[in-house]
N, C-alpha and C. Protein backbone atom coordinates (compact mmCIF):
# COMPACT_ATOMS: atom_id res chain seq x y z
N MET A 1 0.51 -1.17 0.22
CA MET A 1 -0.14 0.05 0.28
C MET A 1 0.91 0.93 0.16
N PRO A 2 0.80 2.44 -1.52
CA PRO A 2 1.37 3.43 -0.88
C PRO A 2 1.26 4.11 0.88
N ASN A 3 2.49 4.56 0.23
CA ASN A 3 2.10 6.09 1.93
C ASN A 3 1.54 6.85 1.37
N ARG A 4 1.78 7.61 2.58
CA ARG A 4 0.40 9.09 2.60
C ARG A 4 1.64 10.20 1.21
N SER A 5 2.33 10.43 1.85
CA SER A 5 2.94 11.35 0.80
C SER A 5 2.90 11.23 -0.62
N GLU A 6 3.29 9.83 -0.31
CA GLU A 6 3.37 9.62 -1.83
C GLU A 6 1.39 9.36 -2.90
N CYS A 7 0.89 9.83 -2.42
CA CYS A 7 -0.49 9.53 -2.61
C CYS A 7 -0.35 11.29 -2.56
N GLU A 8 -0.37 11.98 -2.10
CA GLU A 8 -0.49 13.93 -1.71
C GLU A 8 0.00 14.05 -2.80
N ALA A 9 1.57 13.59 -3.29
CA ALA A 9 2.20 13.87 -4.87
C ALA A 9 1.47 13.81 -6.36
N VAL A 10 1.68 12.15 -5.81
CA VAL A 10 0.61 12.24 -7.09
C VAL A 10 -0.75 12.70 -6.76
N VAL A 11 -1.88 12.85 -6.45
CA VAL A 11 -2.27 13.60 -6.79
C VAL A 11 -1.96 15.58 -7.05
N ARG A 12 -1.23 15.54 -6.61
CA ARG A 12 -1.17 16.94 -7.29
C ARG A 12 -0.33 16.84 -8.45
N GLN A 13 -0.29 16.02 -8.75
CA GLN A 13 0.58 16.47 -10.60
C GLN A 13 -1.04 15.67 -11.31
N LEU A 14 -1.73 15.13 -10.46
CA LEU A 14 -3.14 14.78 -11.80
C LEU A 14 -3.48 15.38 -12.58
N TRP A 15 -3.48 17.10 -12.14
CA TRP A 15 -3.91 18.01 -13.83
C TRP A 15 -3.17 17.72 -14.56
N PRO A 16 -1.80 18.40 -14.41
CA PRO A 16 -1.18 18.10 -15.20
C PRO A 16 -0.81 17.34 -16.20
N TYR A 17 -0.62 16.25 -15.43
CA TYR A 17 -0.65 14.84 -15.70
C TYR A 17 -1.40 14.44 -17.55
N LEU A 18 -3.17 14.86 -16.90
CA LEU A 18 -4.26 15.52 -17.65
C LEU A 18 -3.88 16.10 -18.89
N ASP A 19 -3.37 17.12 -18.26
CA ASP A 19 -3.24 18.10 -19.44
C ASP A 19 -2.09 18.12 -20.18
N GLY A 20 -0.99 16.85 -19.97
CA GLY A 20 -0.06 16.30 -20.83
C GLY A 20 1.08 17.13 -20.08
N ALA A 21 1.48 18.25 -19.00
CA ALA A 21 2.63 18.80 -18.92
C ALA A 21 3.11 17.88 -17.35
N VAL A 22 3.60 16.67 -17.68
CA VAL A 22 4.38 16.11 -17.16
C VAL A 22 6.04 15.83 -18.02
N SER A 23 6.41 14.96 -16.99
CA SER A 23 7.99 14.63 -17.86
C SER A 23 7.58 12.62 -17.77
N GLU A 24 8.04 12.71 -19.11
CA GLU A 24 7.91 10.71 -18.98
C GLU A 24 8.18 10.15 -17.94
N SER A 25 9.09 10.73 -17.04
CA SER A 25 9.54 9.12 -16.01
C SER A 25 8.22 9.86 -14.29
N GLN A 26 7.75 11.27 -14.68
CA GLN A 26 6.19 11.65 -13.87
C GLN A 26 5.63 10.94 -14.52
N ARG A 27 4.82 10.79 -15.80
CA ARG A 27 4.23 9.61 -16.03
C ARG A 27 3.39 8.75 -15.53
N GLU A 28 4.90 7.59 -15.86
CA GLU A 28 5.08 6.18 -15.66
C GLU A 28 4.38 6.65 -14.32
N ARG A 29 5.85 6.68 -13.45
CA ARG A 29 5.41 6.75 -11.66
C ARG A 29 3.37 6.91 -11.51
N ILE A 30 3.40 8.37 -12.06
CA ILE A 30 2.01 8.90 -11.49
C ILE A 30 0.80 6.78 -12.18
N VAL A 31 0.80 7.00 -13.86
CA VAL A 31 0.47 5.75 -14.48
C VAL A 31 0.74 4.18 -12.88
N ALA A 32 1.88 3.94 -12.43
CA ALA A 32 1.76 3.10 -11.81
C ALA A 32 1.57 2.99 -10.73
N HIS A 33 0.93 4.35 -10.11
CA HIS A 33 1.13 4.32 -8.53
C HIS A 33 -0.59 3.96 -8.79
N LEU A 34 -1.49 4.68 -9.87
CA LEU A 34 -2.94 4.62 -10.22
C LEU A 34 -3.02 2.68 -10.42
N GLU A 35 -2.81 3.01 -10.53
CA GLU A 35 -3.08 0.91 -11.33
C GLU A 35 -3.18 0.05 -9.47
N GLY A 36 -1.86 0.62 -8.45
CA GLY A 36 -2.01 0.05 -7.14
C GLY A 36 -2.79 0.93 -6.57
N CYS A 37 -3.39 2.30 -6.60
CA CYS A 37 -3.55 2.67 -4.85
C CYS A 37 -5.45 2.82 -6.06
N VAL A 38 -5.71 2.42 -5.32
CA VAL A 38 -7.76 2.48 -5.16
C VAL A 38 -7.94 3.77 -5.10
N ASN A 39 -7.51 4.69 -3.29
CA ASN A 39 -7.61 6.22 -3.68
C ASN A 39 -7.46 6.58 -4.70
N CYS A 40 -6.11 6.54 -4.59
CA CYS A 40 -6.16 7.52 -6.18
C CYS A 40 -6.37 7.54 -7.53
N ALA A 41 -6.73 6.38 -7.99
CA ALA A 41 -7.36 6.73 -8.79
C ALA A 41 -8.58 6.75 -8.49
N SER A 42 -9.65 6.88 -7.99
CA SER A 42 -10.83 8.18 -7.53
C SER A 42 -10.82 9.52 -7.38
N HIS A 43 -9.28 9.79 -6.69
CA HIS A 43 -9.67 11.02 -7.70
C HIS A 43 -8.91 11.53 -9.33
N PHE A 44 -8.33 10.81 -9.98
CA PHE A 44 -8.29 10.57 -10.77
C PHE A 44 -9.75 10.50 -11.62
N ASP A 45 -10.36 9.24 -11.23
CA ASP A 45 -11.84 8.93 -12.14
C ASP A 45 -12.62 10.63 -11.98
N PHE A 46 -12.42 11.69 -10.90
CA PHE A 46 -13.59 12.61 -10.56
C PHE A 46 -12.16 13.57 -12.08
N ALA A 47 -11.43 13.82 -12.06
CA ALA A 47 -10.69 14.72 -12.64
C ALA A 47 -10.81 14.68 -14.00
N GLN A 48 -11.02 13.41 -14.23
CA GLN A 48 -11.06 13.17 -16.05
C GLN A 48 -12.89 12.97 -16.20
N SER A 49 -13.58 12.59 -15.18
CA SER A 49 -15.31 12.88 -15.75
C SER A 49 -14.78 14.66 -15.50
N PHE A 50 -14.55 15.24 -15.01
CA PHE A 50 -14.69 16.30 -14.96
C PHE A 50 -14.40 17.21 -16.14
N LEU A 51 -13.09 17.08 -16.53
CA LEU A 51 -12.50 17.36 -17.96
C LEU A 51 -13.51 17.08 -19.14
N ASP A 52 -14.01 15.75 -19.73
CA ASP A 52 -14.78 14.90 -20.26
C ASP A 52 -16.40 15.95 -19.98
N ALA A 53 -16.80 16.32 -19.53
CA ALA A 53 -18.13 16.61 -18.69
C ALA A 53 -17.72 18.67 -19.48
N VAL A 54 -16.82 19.12 -19.16
CA VAL A 54 -16.09 20.72 -19.21
C VAL A 54 -16.57 20.33 -21.03
N ALA A 55 -16.05 19.29 -21.85
CA ALA A 55 -15.47 19.33 -22.79
C ALA A 55 -17.04 19.10 -23.83
N ALA A 56 -17.61 18.73 -23.31
CA ALA A 56 -18.82 18.16 -23.70
C ALA A 56 -19.95 19.00 -23.56
N ALA A 57 -19.53 20.28 -22.45
CA ALA A 57 -20.54 21.01 -22.51
C ALA A 57 -20.54 22.98 -23.34
N ARG A 58 -18.82 22.93 -23.43
CA ARG A 58 -18.78 23.96 -24.29
C ARG A 58 -19.63 23.89 -25.60
N PRO A 59 -19.49 24.90 -26.11
CA PRO A 59 -20.60 25.37 -27.31
C PRO A 59 -19.19 24.91 -28.12
N HIS A 60 -19.85 24.25 -29.03
CA HIS A 60 -18.67 24.01 -30.35
C HIS A 60 -18.79 25.18 -31.32
N LEU A 61 -17.61 25.93 -31.21
CA LEU A 61 -17.78 27.12 -32.41
C LEU A 61 -16.49 26.54 -33.09
N PRO A 62 -16.81 27.54 -34.13
CA PRO A 62 -16.04 27.44 -35.56
C PRO A 62 -14.33 28.63 -35.15
N ALA A 63 -13.70 27.85 -35.51
CA ALA A 63 -12.38 28.32 -35.15
C ALA A 63 -11.93 29.58 -35.45
N ASN A 64 -11.52 30.55 -34.25
CA ASN A 64 -11.28 32.26 -35.33
C ASN A 64 -9.89 32.52 -35.53
N GLU A 65 -9.73 32.34 -36.46
CA GLU A 65 -7.71 32.50 -36.95
C GLU A 65 -7.24 33.69 -36.48
N VAL A 66 -8.17 35.15 -36.47
CA VAL A 66 -7.79 36.03 -36.69
C VAL A 66 -7.59 36.09 -35.09
N LEU A 67 -8.85 36.03 -33.59
CA LEU A 67 -8.81 36.08 -32.65
C LEU A 67 -7.07 35.38 -31.55
N ARG A 68 -7.25 34.23 -32.57
CA ARG A 68 -5.96 33.45 -32.30
C ARG A 68 -4.43 33.69 -32.35
N VAL A 69 -4.58 34.49 -33.30
CA VAL A 69 -3.75 35.76 -34.05
C VAL A 69 -3.06 36.33 -32.65
N ARG A 70 -4.23 37.05 -32.36
CA ARG A 70 -4.47 38.55 -31.65
C ARG A 70 -4.26 37.94 -30.21
N VAL A 71 -4.80 36.44 -29.74
CA VAL A 71 -4.85 35.88 -27.68
C VAL A 71 -3.22 35.26 -27.86
N MET A 72 -2.15 35.09 -29.06
CA MET A 72 -1.63 34.64 -28.60
C MET A 72 -0.35 35.69 -29.12
N SER A 73 -0.48 36.26 -29.39
CA SER A 73 0.89 37.82 -30.16
C SER A 73 0.37 38.70 -28.54
N ALA A 74 -0.42 38.37 -27.88
CA ALA A 74 -0.67 39.90 -26.22
C ALA A 74 -0.19 38.42 -25.93
N LEU A 75 -0.03 37.06 -25.87
CA LEU A 75 0.27 36.10 -24.48
C LEU A 75 1.92 36.33 -24.93
N MET A 76 2.88 36.63 -26.10
CA MET A 76 3.82 36.56 -26.32
C MET A 76 4.70 38.01 -26.21
N ALA A 77 3.87 39.06 -25.53
CA ALA A 77 4.14 40.06 -25.52
C ALA A 77 4.39 40.74 -24.45
N GLU A 78 4.16 39.64 -23.83
CA GLU A 78 3.81 39.32 -22.31
C GLU A 78 4.88 38.31 -21.82
N GLY A 79 5.47 38.03 -22.63
CA GLY A 79 6.89 36.68 -22.45
C GLY A 79 6.35 35.37 -22.26
N PHE A 80 4.83 35.12 -22.95
CA PHE A 80 4.46 33.61 -22.93
C PHE A 80 5.35 33.10 -24.55
N GLU A 81 5.95 31.65 -24.01
CA GLU A 81 6.23 31.33 -25.16
C GLU A 81 5.26 30.06 -26.06
N ALA A 82 5.31 30.30 -27.29
CA ALA A 82 4.38 29.29 -27.72
C ALA A 82 4.64 27.46 -28.38
N GLN A 83 3.87 26.98 -27.92
CA GLN A 83 4.22 25.68 -27.56
C GLN A 83 4.06 24.34 -29.01
């Protein structure tokens, strides 16, 4: 059974994990932990269900390229880097 500090570390990383914003080694550690920890798996299930519900609820609007360019330009002017 995983210890509490390990569970806390995994739960803190769930949102970045779901966003694909963790390293490969972190991803592997999180996946391995979730496979063996029912408590943390329930946190993951909630987070994934939440993201699925948000995606299903958003209106499906056509992409506005002009707006995207304006937003990206504003973000880059503030120091953000495009990925």
